[in-house]
Amino acid sequence: MAVEEVRWAYRGRTARVAVTDRAALPQARRTLVRSLAGLRRAEDELARAHRAAGRPVPVGPLLRDLVAVALGAAEATGGDVDPTVGAARLRCAYGRGRWPVCGASVGPVEPPGNWRAVRLRGDLLAVPATLPLALDGTATAYLVQRVAERIAARTGAGALVGLGTRTAVAGPAPAGGWPAAAEGRVLRLTGGALVTADGWRPDGGGVLDPRTGGPPASPWRAVTVAAPDATRAAMLAIAALVRGSAGPAWLAGQGVAVWPTPRAPVVGDLPARR
């Protein structure tokens, strides 16, 4: 079973589509491209919801689903995977005062764990002015999973879809499985998904602790999780980092395969020289 693949750059990340049938590759690529265009439209809708400063606004099916997935992950992890984590970063910048918000001049500092204040009722979304939603943690995982399943269903071919550190496969796998790189390793997937969460990215775009607004105090710099579904893999990987020293034991009980990357020791961690 020969594998055909195409990759391209998308917003600083690698978009990847591979299929087990060469004839299916053009359609597979179009499916991902259209889904990424839909993601950009969803981002525009989310910006409109932010500007509404708490007033309900109608949103499309994709943004509705992305918000529902993000709020579901927050509920399932007790707020460790928090789509309003951006408010924690603002708390660090503005302390106990008030900060500028979209749609208003200033707003009160929101307490941590206030993601429940985001309201999604059918196709109506209301986002409080000082709780900016950041859906990156689960949105791309949801997207690659859905696109892989759609390609496999429409073409009958096995499919791999990847975007950055989120990879999902569907349909028949090639002999030996699909190769997927993660933190310097090449792993093999025969089904499900692979997600890496990183708390110490140099560009500042890594996992944040919603309680502090900074990188999580985890013994791991990053962790890769293989699970039957990309959204679940992302949720578990992020929550394991956010839970700090309790994360490794908690993740060990989730019934998934895990590849952690330990944190490099910093000067303060090194033993004193005699």
C-alpha atoms as a PDB file:
ATOM      1  CA  MET A   1       0.000   0.000   0.000  1.00  0.00           C
ATOM      2  CA  ALA A   2       1.902   3.047  -1.298  1.00  0.00           C
ATOM      3  CA  VAL A   3       1.596   6.318   0.605  1.00  0.00           C
ATOM      4  CA  GLU A   4       1.302   9.651  -1.194  1.00  0.00           C
ATOM      5  CA  GLU A   5       1.869  12.831   0.789  1.00  0.00           C
ATOM      6  CA  VAL A   6       1.969  16.610   0.485  1.00  0.00           C
ATOM      7  CA  ARG A   7       3.128  19.229   3.002  1.00  0.00           C
ATOM      8  CA  TRP A   8       3.053  23.014   3.084  1.00  0.00           C
ATOM      9  CA  ALA A   9       3.581  25.852   5.532  1.00  0.00           C
ATOM     10  CA  TYR A  10       0.517  27.265   7.272  1.00  0.00           C
ATOM     11  CA  ARG A  11       0.948  30.128   9.738  1.00  0.00           C
ATOM     12  CA  GLY A  12       4.322  28.955  10.919  1.00  0.00           C
ATOM     13  CA  ARG A  13       3.245  25.331  11.229  1.00  0.00           C
ATOM     14  CA  THR A  14       3.442  22.381   8.875  1.00  0.00           C
ATOM     15  CA  ALA A  15       0.199  21.222   7.287  1.00  0.00           C
ATOM     16  CA  ARG A  16       0.396  17.606   6.176  1.00  0.00           C
ATOM     17  CA  VAL A  17      -1.904  15.286   4.246  1.00  0.00           C
ATOM     18  CA  ALA A  18      -1.056  11.679   3.367  1.00  0.00           C
ATOM     19  CA  VAL A  19      -3.230   8.977   1.813  1.00  0.00           C
ATOM     20  CA  THR A  20      -2.861   5.336   0.839  1.00  0.00           C
ATOM     21  CA  ASP A  21      -4.301   5.942  -2.651  1.00  0.00           C
ATOM     22  CA  ARG A  22      -2.512   8.326  -4.994  1.00  0.00           C
ATOM     23  CA  ALA A  23      -5.744   9.196  -6.774  1.00  0.00           C
ATOM     24  CA  ALA A  24      -7.224  10.451  -3.496  1.00  0.00           C
ATOM     25  CA  LEU A  25      -4.452  12.948  -2.753  1.00  0.00           C
ATOM     26  CA  PRO A  26      -5.834  15.996  -4.652  1.00  0.00           C
ATOM     27  CA  GLN A  27      -9.233  15.650  -2.993  1.00  0.00           C
ATOM     28  CA  ALA A  28      -7.611  15.093   0.379  1.00  0.00           C
ATOM     29  CA  ARG A  29      -5.527  18.242   0.038  1.00  0.00           C
ATOM     30  CA  ARG A  30      -8.574  20.283  -1.022  1.00  0.00           C
ATOM     31  CA  THR A  31     -10.490  19.017   2.002  1.00  0.00           C
ATOM     32  CA  LEU A  32      -7.843  20.274   4.410  1.00  0.00           C
ATOM     33  CA  VAL A  33      -7.394  23.583   2.571  1.00  0.00           C
ATOM     34  CA  ARG A  34     -11.128  24.247   2.715  1.00  0.00           C
ATOM     35  CA  SER A  35     -11.229  23.327   6.388  1.00  0.00           C
ATOM     36  CA  LEU A  36      -8.387  25.738   7.143  1.00  0.00           C
ATOM     37  CA  ALA A  37     -10.287  28.463   5.275  1.00  0.00           C
ATOM     38  CA  GLY A  38     -13.277  27.637   7.454  1.00  0.00           C
ATOM     39  CA  LEU A  39     -11.067  27.979  10.519  1.00  0.00           C
ATOM     40  CA  ARG A  40     -10.067  31.484   9.428  1.00  0.00           C
ATOM     41  CA  ARG A  41     -13.748  32.411   9.057  1.00  0.00           C
ATOM     42  CA  ALA A  42     -14.397  31.018  12.527  1.00  0.00           C
ATOM     43  CA  GLU A  43     -11.615  33.249  13.864  1.00  0.00           C
ATOM     44  CA  ASP A  44     -13.334  36.272  12.309  1.00  0.00           C
ATOM     45  CA  GLU A  45     -16.604  35.253  13.954  1.00  0.00           C
ATOM     46  CA  LEU A  46     -14.855  34.886  17.301  1.00  0.00           C
ATOM     47  CA  ALA A  47     -13.376  38.375  16.947  1.00  0.00           C
ATOM     48  CA  ARG A  48     -16.907  39.665  16.376  1.00  0.00           C
ATOM     49  CA  ALA A  49     -18.073  37.883  19.535  1.00  0.00           C
ATOM     50  CA  HIS A  50     -15.228  39.514  21.477  1.00  0.00           C
ATOM     51  CA  ARG A  51     -16.225  42.937  20.166  1.00  0.00           C
ATOM     52  CA  ALA A  52     -19.793  42.315  21.341  1.00  0.00           C
ATOM     53  CA  ALA A  53     -18.451  42.376  24.927  1.00  0.00           C
ATOM     54  CA  GLY A  54     -20.848  39.841  26.419  1.00  0.00           C
ATOM     55  CA  ARG A  55     -23.803  40.298  24.080  1.00  0.00           C
ATOM     56  CA  PRO A  56     -24.910  37.092  22.276  1.00  0.00           C
ATOM     57  CA  VAL A  57     -23.960  36.946  18.596  1.00  0.00           C
ATOM     58  CA  PRO A  58     -24.804  34.274  16.017  1.00  0.00           C
ATOM     59  CA  VAL A  59     -21.925  32.008  14.969  1.00  0.00           C
ATOM     60  CA  GLY A  60     -21.449  29.367  12.301  1.00  0.00           C
ATOM     61  CA  PRO A  61     -21.409  25.599  12.841  1.00  0.00           C
ATOM     62  CA  LEU A  62     -17.610  25.313  13.003  1.00  0.00           C
ATOM     63  CA  LEU A  63     -17.080  27.974  15.672  1.00  0.00           C
ATOM     64  CA  ARG A  64     -20.049  26.610  17.590  1.00  0.00           C
ATOM     65  CA  ASP A  65     -18.437  23.167  17.597  1.00  0.00           C
ATOM     66  CA  LEU A  66     -14.985  24.511  18.495  1.00  0.00           C
ATOM     67  CA  VAL A  67     -16.334  26.453  21.461  1.00  0.00           C
ATOM     68  CA  ALA A  68     -18.386  23.458  22.612  1.00  0.00           C
ATOM     69  CA  VAL A  69     -15.298  21.229  22.443  1.00  0.00           C
ATOM     70  CA  ALA A  70     -13.193  23.762  24.359  1.00  0.00           C
ATOM     71  CA  LEU A  71     -15.805  24.205  27.098  1.00  0.00           C
ATOM     72  CA  GLY A  72     -16.228  20.435  27.295  1.00  0.00           C
ATOM     73  CA  ALA A  73     -12.482  20.019  27.803  1.00  0.00           C
ATOM     74  CA  ALA A  74     -12.543  22.641  30.551  1.00  0.00           C
ATOM     75  CA  GLU A  75     -15.391  20.814  32.281  1.00  0.00           C
ATOM     76  CA  ALA A  76     -13.720  17.403  31.943  1.00  0.00           C
ATOM     77  CA  THR A  77     -10.407  18.623  33.399  1.00  0.00           C
ATOM     78  CA  GLY A  78     -11.736  20.832  36.154  1.00  0.00           C
ATOM     79  CA  GLY A  79     -10.547  23.946  34.330  1.00  0.00           C
ATOM     80  CA  ASP A  80      -6.999  22.765  33.614  1.00  0.00           C
ATOM     81  CA  VAL A  81      -7.653  23.085  29.877  1.00  0.00           C
ATOM     82  CA  ASP A  82      -9.144  26.568  30.055  1.00  0.00           C
ATOM     83  CA  PRO A  83     -10.124  28.395  26.836  1.00  0.00           C
ATOM     84  CA  THR A  84     -10.077  31.702  28.755  1.00  0.00           C
ATOM     85  CA  VAL A  85      -6.450  31.223  29.801  1.00  0.00           C
ATOM     86  CA  GLY A  86      -5.609  34.504  28.065  1.00  0.00           C
ATOM     87  CA  ALA A  87      -7.265  36.274  30.996  1.00  0.00           C
ATOM     88  CA  ALA A  88      -4.595  34.802  33.277  1.00  0.00           C
ATOM     89  CA  ARG A  89      -1.901  36.444  31.185  1.00  0.00           C
ATOM     90  CA  LEU A  90      -3.756  39.748  31.446  1.00  0.00           C
ATOM     91  CA  ARG A  91      -3.990  39.326  35.220  1.00  0.00           C
ATOM     92  CA  CYS A  92      -0.201  39.074  35.288  1.00  0.00           C
ATOM     93  CA  ALA A  93       0.126  42.267  33.259  1.00  0.00           C
ATOM     94  CA  TYR A  94      -2.501  44.348  35.073  1.00  0.00           C
ATOM     95  CA  GLY A  95      -2.556  42.822  38.546  1.00  0.00           C
ATOM     96  CA  ARG A  96      -5.692  43.554  40.556  1.00  0.00           C
ATOM     97  CA  GLY A  97      -6.645  46.595  38.519  1.00  0.00           C
ATOM     98  CA  ARG A  98      -8.612  46.980  35.316  1.00  0.00           C
ATOM     99  CA  TRP A  99      -7.435  46.372  31.779  1.00  0.00           C
ATOM    100  CA  PRO A 100      -8.416  47.495  28.279  1.00  0.00           C
ATOM    101  CA  VAL A 101     -10.841  45.087  26.610  1.00  0.00           C
ATOM    102  CA  CYS A 102     -12.300  44.672  23.168  1.00  0.00           C
ATOM    103  CA  GLY A 103     -15.649  46.436  22.886  1.00  0.00           C
ATOM    104  CA  ALA A 104     -15.109  48.545  26.031  1.00  0.00           C
ATOM    105  CA  SER A 105     -12.554  50.946  27.448  1.00  0.00           C
ATOM    106  CA  VAL A 106     -11.622  48.994  30.581  1.00  0.00           C
ATOM    107  CA  GLY A 107     -12.884  45.931  32.386  1.00  0.00           C
ATOM    108  CA  PRO A 108     -12.528  44.347  35.818  1.00  0.00           C
ATOM    109  CA  VAL A 109      -9.949  41.647  36.341  1.00  0.00           C
ATOM    110  CA  GLU A 110     -11.642  38.266  36.022  1.00  0.00           C
ATOM    111  CA  PRO A 111     -10.865  35.580  38.613  1.00  0.00           C
ATOM    112  CA  PRO A 112      -9.312  32.313  37.421  1.00  0.00           C
ATOM    113  CA  GLY A 113     -11.633  29.479  36.463  1.00  0.00           C
ATOM    114  CA  ASN A 114     -14.330  31.800  35.127  1.00  0.00           C
ATOM    115  CA  TRP A 115     -14.683  29.993  31.782  1.00  0.00           C
ATOM    116  CA  ARG A 116     -18.221  29.067  32.855  1.00  0.00           C
ATOM    117  CA  ALA A 117     -19.165  32.680  32.188  1.00  0.00           C
ATOM    118  CA  VAL A 118     -18.856  31.985  28.440  1.00  0.00           C
ATOM    119  CA  ARG A 119     -22.350  31.178  27.187  1.00  0.00           C
ATOM    120  CA  LEU A 120     -23.092  29.027  24.150  1.00  0.00           C
ATOM    121  CA  ARG A 121     -26.795  28.516  23.473  1.00  0.00           C
ATOM    122  CA  GLY A 122     -27.346  26.814  20.148  1.00  0.00           C
ATOM    123  CA  ASP A 123     -25.763  29.116  17.569  1.00  0.00           C
ATOM    124  CA  LEU A 124     -25.540  32.112  19.922  1.00  0.00           C
ATOM    125  CA  LEU A 125     -22.217  32.831  21.640  1.00  0.00           C
ATOM    126  CA  ALA A 126     -21.670  35.377  24.410  1.00  0.00           C
ATOM    127  CA  VAL A 127     -18.116  36.063  25.582  1.00  0.00           C
ATOM    128  CA  PRO A 128     -17.598  38.415  28.554  1.00  0.00           C
ATOM    129  CA  ALA A 129     -15.464  41.414  27.675  1.00  0.00           C
ATOM    130  CA  THR A 130     -12.568  40.447  29.936  1.00  0.00           C
ATOM    131  CA  LEU A 131     -12.527  36.722  29.090  1.00  0.00           C
ATOM    132  CA  PRO A 132     -10.909  36.463  25.650  1.00  0.00           C
ATOM    133  CA  LEU A 133     -11.314  32.984  24.213  1.00  0.00           C
ATOM    134  CA  ALA A 134      -8.225  31.141  22.947  1.00  0.00           C
ATOM    135  CA  LEU A 135      -9.276  27.895  21.282  1.00  0.00           C
ATOM    136  CA  ASP A 136      -5.865  26.770  19.981  1.00  0.00           C
ATOM    137  CA  GLY A 137      -5.438  24.036  22.560  1.00  0.00           C
ATOM    138  CA  THR A 138      -8.292  21.928  21.209  1.00  0.00           C
ATOM    139  CA  ALA A 139      -9.349  23.572  17.930  1.00  0.00           C
ATOM    140  CA  THR A 140      -6.623  22.231  15.644  1.00  0.00           C
ATOM    141  CA  ALA A 141      -6.909  18.795  17.247  1.00  0.00           C
ATOM    142  CA  TYR A 142     -10.631  18.753  16.503  1.00  0.00           C
ATOM    143  CA  LEU A 143      -9.981  19.965  12.967  1.00  0.00           C
ATOM    144  CA  VAL A 144      -7.378  17.347  11.994  1.00  0.00           C
ATOM    145  CA  GLN A 145      -9.527  14.563  13.443  1.00  0.00           C
ATOM    146  CA  ARG A 146     -12.598  15.666  11.524  1.00  0.00           C
ATOM    147  CA  VAL A 147     -10.697  16.159   8.259  1.00  0.00           C
ATOM    148  CA  ALA A 148      -8.971  12.768   8.458  1.00  0.00           C
ATOM    149  CA  GLU A 149     -12.301  11.034   9.039  1.00  0.00           C
ATOM    150  CA  ARG A 150     -13.927  12.975   6.206  1.00  0.00           C
ATOM    151  CA  ILE A 151     -11.170  12.079   3.726  1.00  0.00           C
ATOM    152  CA  ALA A 152     -11.312   8.390   4.645  1.00  0.00           C
ATOM    153  CA  ALA A 153     -15.120   8.326   4.366  1.00  0.00           C
ATOM    154  CA  ARG A 154     -15.222  10.101   1.008  1.00  0.00           C
ATOM    155  CA  THR A 155     -12.308   8.360  -0.724  1.00  0.00           C
ATOM    156  CA  GLY A 156     -12.103   4.967   0.971  1.00  0.00           C
ATOM    157  CA  ALA A 157      -8.372   5.520   1.401  1.00  0.00           C
ATOM    158  CA  GLY A 158      -6.424   5.608   4.626  1.00  0.00           C
ATOM    159  CA  ALA A 159      -5.651   9.198   5.595  1.00  0.00           C
ATOM    160  CA  LEU A 160      -3.273  11.108   7.829  1.00  0.00           C
ATOM    161  CA  VAL A 161      -3.857  14.789   8.537  1.00  0.00           C
ATOM    162  CA  GLY A 162      -1.452  16.886  10.556  1.00  0.00           C
ATOM    163  CA  LEU A 163      -1.229  20.508  11.600  1.00  0.00           C
ATOM    164  CA  GLY A 164       1.745  21.438  13.728  1.00  0.00           C
ATOM    165  CA  THR A 165       1.856  19.103  16.729  1.00  0.00           C
ATOM    166  CA  ARG A 166      -1.616  17.655  16.098  1.00  0.00           C
ATOM    167  CA  THR A 167      -1.903  14.530  13.930  1.00  0.00           C
ATOM    168  CA  ALA A 168      -4.878  12.242  13.295  1.00  0.00           C
ATOM    169  CA  VAL A 169      -5.365   9.193  11.082  1.00  0.00           C
ATOM    170  CA  ALA A 170      -8.442   7.391   9.799  1.00  0.00           C
ATOM    171  CA  GLY A 171      -9.192   4.444   7.524  1.00  0.00           C
ATOM    172  CA  PRO A 172      -6.762   1.653   6.648  1.00  0.00           C
ATOM    173  CA  ALA A 173      -3.165   2.260   7.750  1.00  0.00           C
ATOM    174  CA  PRO A 174      -0.150   1.442   5.554  1.00  0.00           C
ATOM    175  CA  ALA A 175       2.110  -1.451   6.484  1.00  0.00           C
ATOM    176  CA  GLY A 176       4.052  -0.517   9.607  1.00  0.00           C
ATOM    177  CA  GLY A 177       1.718   2.376  10.400  1.00  0.00           C
ATOM    178  CA  TRP A 178       1.865   6.096   9.677  1.00  0.00           C
ATOM    179  CA  PRO A 179       5.139   7.816  10.654  1.00  0.00           C
ATOM    180  CA  ALA A 180       4.628  10.857  12.868  1.00  0.00           C
ATOM    181  CA  ALA A 181       7.402  12.968  14.355  1.00  0.00           C
ATOM    182  CA  ALA A 182       7.135  14.180  17.942  1.00  0.00           C
ATOM    183  CA  GLU A 183       9.895  15.835  20.000  1.00  0.00           C
ATOM    184  CA  GLY A 184      12.697  14.234  17.992  1.00  0.00           C
ATOM    185  CA  ARG A 185      11.032  10.816  17.916  1.00  0.00           C
ATOM    186  CA  VAL A 186       9.392   9.090  14.962  1.00  0.00           C
ATOM    187  CA  LEU A 187       6.355   7.184  16.178  1.00  0.00           C
ATOM    188  CA  ARG A 188       4.050   4.896  14.196  1.00  0.00           C
ATOM    189  CA  LEU A 189       0.278   5.306  14.201  1.00  0.00           C
ATOM    190  CA  THR A 190      -2.159   2.641  13.047  1.00  0.00           C
ATOM    191  CA  GLY A 191      -5.195   4.540  14.304  1.00  0.00           C
ATOM    192  CA  GLY A 192      -6.280   7.424  16.471  1.00  0.00           C
ATOM    193  CA  ALA A 193      -4.177  10.513  16.997  1.00  0.00           C
ATOM    194  CA  LEU A 194      -0.920  11.917  18.338  1.00  0.00           C
ATOM    195  CA  VAL A 195      -0.647  15.292  20.085  1.00  0.00           C
ATOM    196  CA  THR A 196       2.285  17.080  21.714  1.00  0.00           C
ATOM    197  CA  ALA A 197       1.757  19.842  24.278  1.00  0.00           C
ATOM    198  CA  ASP A 198       4.712  22.081  25.128  1.00  0.00           C
ATOM    199  CA  GLY A 199       4.883  24.397  28.117  1.00  0.00           C
ATOM    200  CA  TRP A 200       8.187  26.064  27.235  1.00  0.00           C
ATOM    201  CA  ARG A 201       8.050  27.152  23.618  1.00  0.00           C
ATOM    202  CA  PRO A 202      10.521  29.980  22.912  1.00  0.00           C
ATOM    203  CA  ASP A 203       7.848  31.968  21.059  1.00  0.00           C
ATOM    204  CA  GLY A 204       5.684  32.143  24.187  1.00  0.00           C
ATOM    205  CA  GLY A 205       2.903  30.155  22.550  1.00  0.00           C
ATOM    206  CA  GLY A 206       3.080  27.109  24.769  1.00  0.00           C
ATOM    207  CA  VAL A 207       0.710  25.788  27.411  1.00  0.00           C
ATOM    208  CA  LEU A 208      -0.135  28.262  30.192  1.00  0.00           C
ATOM    209  CA  ASP A 209      -1.301  27.559  33.713  1.00  0.00           C
ATOM    210  CA  PRO A 210      -4.701  29.296  33.970  1.00  0.00           C
ATOM    211  CA  ARG A 211      -4.065  30.015  37.652  1.00  0.00           C
ATOM    212  CA  THR A 212      -0.827  31.930  37.100  1.00  0.00           C
ATOM    213  CA  GLY A 213      -0.741  32.968  33.443  1.00  0.00           C
ATOM    214  CA  GLY A 214       2.779  31.535  33.139  1.00  0.00           C
ATOM    215  CA  PRO A 215       4.279  28.208  32.063  1.00  0.00           C
ATOM    216  CA  PRO A 216       3.147  25.269  34.181  1.00  0.00           C
ATOM    217  CA  ALA A 217       5.370  24.029  37.010  1.00  0.00           C
ATOM    218  CA  SER A 218       5.661  20.568  35.485  1.00  0.00           C
ATOM    219  CA  PRO A 219       8.674  18.249  35.625  1.00  0.00           C
ATOM    220  CA  TRP A 220       8.085  17.866  31.888  1.00  0.00           C
ATOM    221  CA  ARG A 221       8.885  20.460  29.267  1.00  0.00           C
ATOM    222  CA  ALA A 222       6.543  18.723  26.855  1.00  0.00           C
ATOM    223  CA  VAL A 223       4.488  15.553  26.604  1.00  0.00           C
ATOM    224  CA  THR A 224       3.195  13.577  23.637  1.00  0.00           C
ATOM    225  CA  VAL A 225      -0.013  11.562  23.988  1.00  0.00           C
ATOM    226  CA  ALA A 226      -1.486   8.945  21.642  1.00  0.00           C
ATOM    227  CA  ALA A 227      -5.237   8.468  22.040  1.00  0.00           C
ATOM    228  CA  PRO A 228      -8.176   7.247  19.934  1.00  0.00           C
ATOM    229  CA  ASP A 229      -9.226  10.859  19.303  1.00  0.00           C
ATOM    230  CA  ALA A 230      -7.085  13.961  18.736  1.00  0.00           C
ATOM    231  CA  THR A 231      -9.226  16.189  20.934  1.00  0.00           C
ATOM    232  CA  ARG A 232      -8.874  13.793  23.858  1.00  0.00           C
ATOM    233  CA  ALA A 233      -5.130  13.488  23.262  1.00  0.00           C
ATOM    234  CA  ALA A 234      -4.773  17.292  23.316  1.00  0.00           C
ATOM    235  CA  MET A 235      -6.908  17.614  26.437  1.00  0.00           C
ATOM    236  CA  LEU A 236      -4.881  15.007  28.321  1.00  0.00           C
ATOM    237  CA  ALA A 237      -1.498  16.386  27.229  1.00  0.00           C
ATOM    238  CA  ILE A 238      -2.341  19.966  28.215  1.00  0.00           C
ATOM    239  CA  ALA A 239      -3.929  18.983  31.524  1.00  0.00           C
ATOM    240  CA  ALA A 240      -0.938  16.807  32.446  1.00  0.00           C
ATOM    241  CA  LEU A 241       1.383  19.792  32.108  1.00  0.00           C
ATOM    242  CA  VAL A 242      -0.940  22.192  33.932  1.00  0.00           C
ATOM    243  CA  ARG A 243      -1.274  19.781  36.879  1.00  0.00           C
ATOM    244  CA  GLY A 244       2.432  20.226  37.582  1.00  0.00           C
ATOM    245  CA  SER A 245       4.061  17.611  39.773  1.00  0.00           C
ATOM    246  CA  ALA A 246       0.776  15.688  39.971  1.00  0.00           C
ATOM    247  CA  GLY A 247       0.484  15.488  36.194  1.00  0.00           C
ATOM    248  CA  PRO A 248       2.620  12.397  35.471  1.00  0.00           C
ATOM    249  CA  ALA A 249       0.754  10.170  37.934  1.00  0.00           C
ATOM    250  CA  TRP A 250      -2.612  11.499  36.782  1.00  0.00           C
ATOM    251  CA  LEU A 251      -1.793  10.904  33.112  1.00  0.00           C
ATOM    252  CA  ALA A 252      -0.523   7.392  33.874  1.00  0.00           C
ATOM    253  CA  GLY A 253      -4.049   6.499  34.952  1.00  0.00           C
ATOM    254  CA  GLN A 254      -5.740   7.646  31.743  1.00  0.00           C
ATOM    255  CA  GLY A 255      -5.032   4.509  29.689  1.00  0.00           C
ATOM    256  CA  VAL A 256      -3.112   6.221  26.891  1.00  0.00           C
ATOM    257  CA  ALA A 257       0.429   5.952  25.522  1.00  0.00           C
ATOM    258  CA  VAL A 258       2.699   8.771  26.700  1.00  0.00           C
ATOM    259  CA  TRP A 259       6.145  10.075  25.694  1.00  0.00           C
ATOM    260  CA  PRO A 260       7.334  12.817  28.078  1.00  0.00           C
ATOM    261  CA  THR A 261      10.203  15.222  27.486  1.00  0.00           C
ATOM    262  CA  PRO A 262      11.810  16.215  30.819  1.00  0.00           C
ATOM    263  CA  ARG A 263      12.679  19.812  31.506  1.00  0.00           C
ATOM    264  CA  ALA A 264      16.331  20.688  31.107  1.00  0.00           C
ATOM    265  CA  PRO A 265      17.845  21.688  34.449  1.00  0.00           C
ATOM    266  CA  VAL A 266      18.282  25.414  35.005  1.00  0.00           C
ATOM    267  CA  VAL A 267      21.061  27.006  36.991  1.00  0.00           C
ATOM    268  CA  GLY A 268      19.002  26.994  40.178  1.00  0.00           C
ATOM    269  CA  ASP A 269      18.399  23.255  39.809  1.00  0.00           C
ATOM    270  CA  LEU A 270      22.061  22.307  39.602  1.00  0.00           C
ATOM    271  CA  PRO A 271      23.855  21.053  42.682  1.00  0.00           C
ATOM    272  CA  ALA A 272      26.363  23.461  44.135  1.00  0.00           C
ATOM    273  CA  ARG A 273      30.004  22.806  43.279  1.00  0.00           C
ATOM    274  CA  ARG A 274      32.310  22.033  46.149  1.00  0.00           C
END
